[in-house]
């Protein structure tokens, strides 16, 4: 399971970040939207890392353990 940190911004938006994947952060107009955008981006980053032979954080590898 990926950890996603969520924080409300002063302007009413939400910021979601995946700490184990530097640079994976997304804004949303709601908490759920920010979470969904950050999760989608995280999966794209993980897929790219796998494709390029780059390391994948342990918490991300566990998502694919059953595959």
C-alpha atoms as a PDB file:
ATOM      1  CA  UNK A   1       0.000   0.000   0.000  1.00  0.00           C
ATOM      2  CA  UNK A   2       1.339   3.420  -0.904  1.00  0.00           C
ATOM      3  CA  UNK A   3       1.340   6.093   1.765  1.00  0.00           C
ATOM      4  CA  UNK A   4      -0.258   9.305   0.509  1.00  0.00           C
ATOM      5  CA  UNK A   5       0.060  12.474   2.579  1.00  0.00           C
ATOM      6  CA  UNK A   6      -2.820  14.932   2.170  1.00  0.00           C
ATOM      7  CA  UNK A   7      -2.758  18.580   3.201  1.00  0.00           C
ATOM      8  CA  UNK A   8      -5.291  21.361   2.727  1.00  0.00           C
ATOM      9  CA  UNK A   9      -3.919  24.512   1.101  1.00  0.00           C
ATOM     10  CA  UNK A  10      -4.841  28.073   2.092  1.00  0.00           C
ATOM     11  CA  UNK A  11      -6.671  28.580  -1.216  1.00  0.00           C
ATOM     12  CA  UNK A  12      -9.014  25.630  -0.585  1.00  0.00           C
ATOM     13  CA  UNK A  13      -7.234  23.093  -2.776  1.00  0.00           C
ATOM     14  CA  UNK A  14      -5.763  19.854  -1.466  1.00  0.00           C
ATOM     15  CA  UNK A  15      -2.193  18.671  -1.995  1.00  0.00           C
ATOM     16  CA  UNK A  16      -1.462  14.941  -2.102  1.00  0.00           C
ATOM     17  CA  UNK A  17       2.093  13.583  -2.039  1.00  0.00           C
ATOM     18  CA  UNK A  18       3.616  10.096  -2.102  1.00  0.00           C
ATOM     19  CA  UNK A  19       6.736  10.460   0.081  1.00  0.00           C
ATOM     20  CA  UNK A  20       8.415   7.280  -1.161  1.00  0.00           C
ATOM     21  CA  UNK A  21       8.299   8.544  -4.767  1.00  0.00           C
ATOM     22  CA  UNK A  22       9.986  11.963  -4.913  1.00  0.00           C
ATOM     23  CA  UNK A  23       8.156  14.385  -7.160  1.00  0.00           C
ATOM     24  CA  UNK A  24       4.842  12.546  -7.021  1.00  0.00           C
ATOM     25  CA  UNK A  25       2.429  15.204  -5.876  1.00  0.00           C
ATOM     26  CA  UNK A  26      -0.849  16.481  -7.179  1.00  0.00           C
ATOM     27  CA  UNK A  27      -3.434  19.128  -6.414  1.00  0.00           C
ATOM     28  CA  UNK A  28      -7.180  18.596  -6.385  1.00  0.00           C
ATOM     29  CA  UNK A  29     -10.212  20.684  -5.609  1.00  0.00           C
ATOM     30  CA  UNK A  30     -11.228  18.038  -3.057  1.00  0.00           C
ATOM     31  CA  UNK A  31      -9.316  15.622  -0.844  1.00  0.00           C
ATOM     32  CA  UNK A  32     -10.568  12.676  -2.916  1.00  0.00           C
ATOM     33  CA  UNK A  33      -9.564  14.293  -6.209  1.00  0.00           C
ATOM     34  CA  UNK A  34      -6.044  15.055  -4.971  1.00  0.00           C
ATOM     35  CA  UNK A  35      -5.699  11.484  -3.683  1.00  0.00           C
ATOM     36  CA  UNK A  36      -6.892  10.001  -6.983  1.00  0.00           C
ATOM     37  CA  UNK A  37      -4.539  12.173  -9.047  1.00  0.00           C
ATOM     38  CA  UNK A  38      -1.513  11.396  -6.861  1.00  0.00           C
ATOM     39  CA  UNK A  39      -2.276   7.671  -6.900  1.00  0.00           C
ATOM     40  CA  UNK A  40      -2.608   7.627 -10.694  1.00  0.00           C
ATOM     41  CA  UNK A  41       0.662   9.519 -11.053  1.00  0.00           C
ATOM     42  CA  UNK A  42       2.380   7.138  -8.634  1.00  0.00           C
ATOM     43  CA  UNK A  43       1.368   4.130 -10.723  1.00  0.00           C
ATOM     44  CA  UNK A  44       2.699   5.806 -13.878  1.00  0.00           C
ATOM     45  CA  UNK A  45       6.013   6.549 -12.141  1.00  0.00           C
ATOM     46  CA  UNK A  46       6.265   2.979 -10.818  1.00  0.00           C
ATOM     47  CA  UNK A  47       5.547   1.532 -14.274  1.00  0.00           C
ATOM     48  CA  UNK A  48       8.186   3.796 -15.810  1.00  0.00           C
ATOM     49  CA  UNK A  49      10.750   2.759 -13.195  1.00  0.00           C
ATOM     50  CA  UNK A  50      10.028  -0.926 -13.825  1.00  0.00           C
ATOM     51  CA  UNK A  51      10.276  -0.430 -17.593  1.00  0.00           C
ATOM     52  CA  UNK A  52      13.605   1.409 -17.262  1.00  0.00           C
ATOM     53  CA  UNK A  53      15.060  -1.049 -14.743  1.00  0.00           C
ATOM     54  CA  UNK A  54      15.199   1.567 -11.991  1.00  0.00           C
ATOM     55  CA  UNK A  55      14.598   0.754  -8.320  1.00  0.00           C
ATOM     56  CA  UNK A  56      11.054   0.698  -7.002  1.00  0.00           C
ATOM     57  CA  UNK A  57      10.349   1.454  -3.301  1.00  0.00           C
ATOM     58  CA  UNK A  58       9.530  -1.603  -1.197  1.00  0.00           C
ATOM     59  CA  UNK A  59       6.030  -0.349  -0.386  1.00  0.00           C
ATOM     60  CA  UNK A  60       5.322  -0.091  -4.120  1.00  0.00           C
ATOM     61  CA  UNK A  61       6.711  -3.570  -4.857  1.00  0.00           C
ATOM     62  CA  UNK A  62       4.251  -5.066  -2.382  1.00  0.00           C
ATOM     63  CA  UNK A  63       1.402  -3.838  -4.599  1.00  0.00           C
ATOM     64  CA  UNK A  64       2.524  -6.306  -7.248  1.00  0.00           C
ATOM     65  CA  UNK A  65       3.462  -9.250  -5.012  1.00  0.00           C
ATOM     66  CA  UNK A  66       0.467 -11.340  -6.096  1.00  0.00           C
ATOM     67  CA  UNK A  67       1.005 -10.660  -9.800  1.00  0.00           C
END
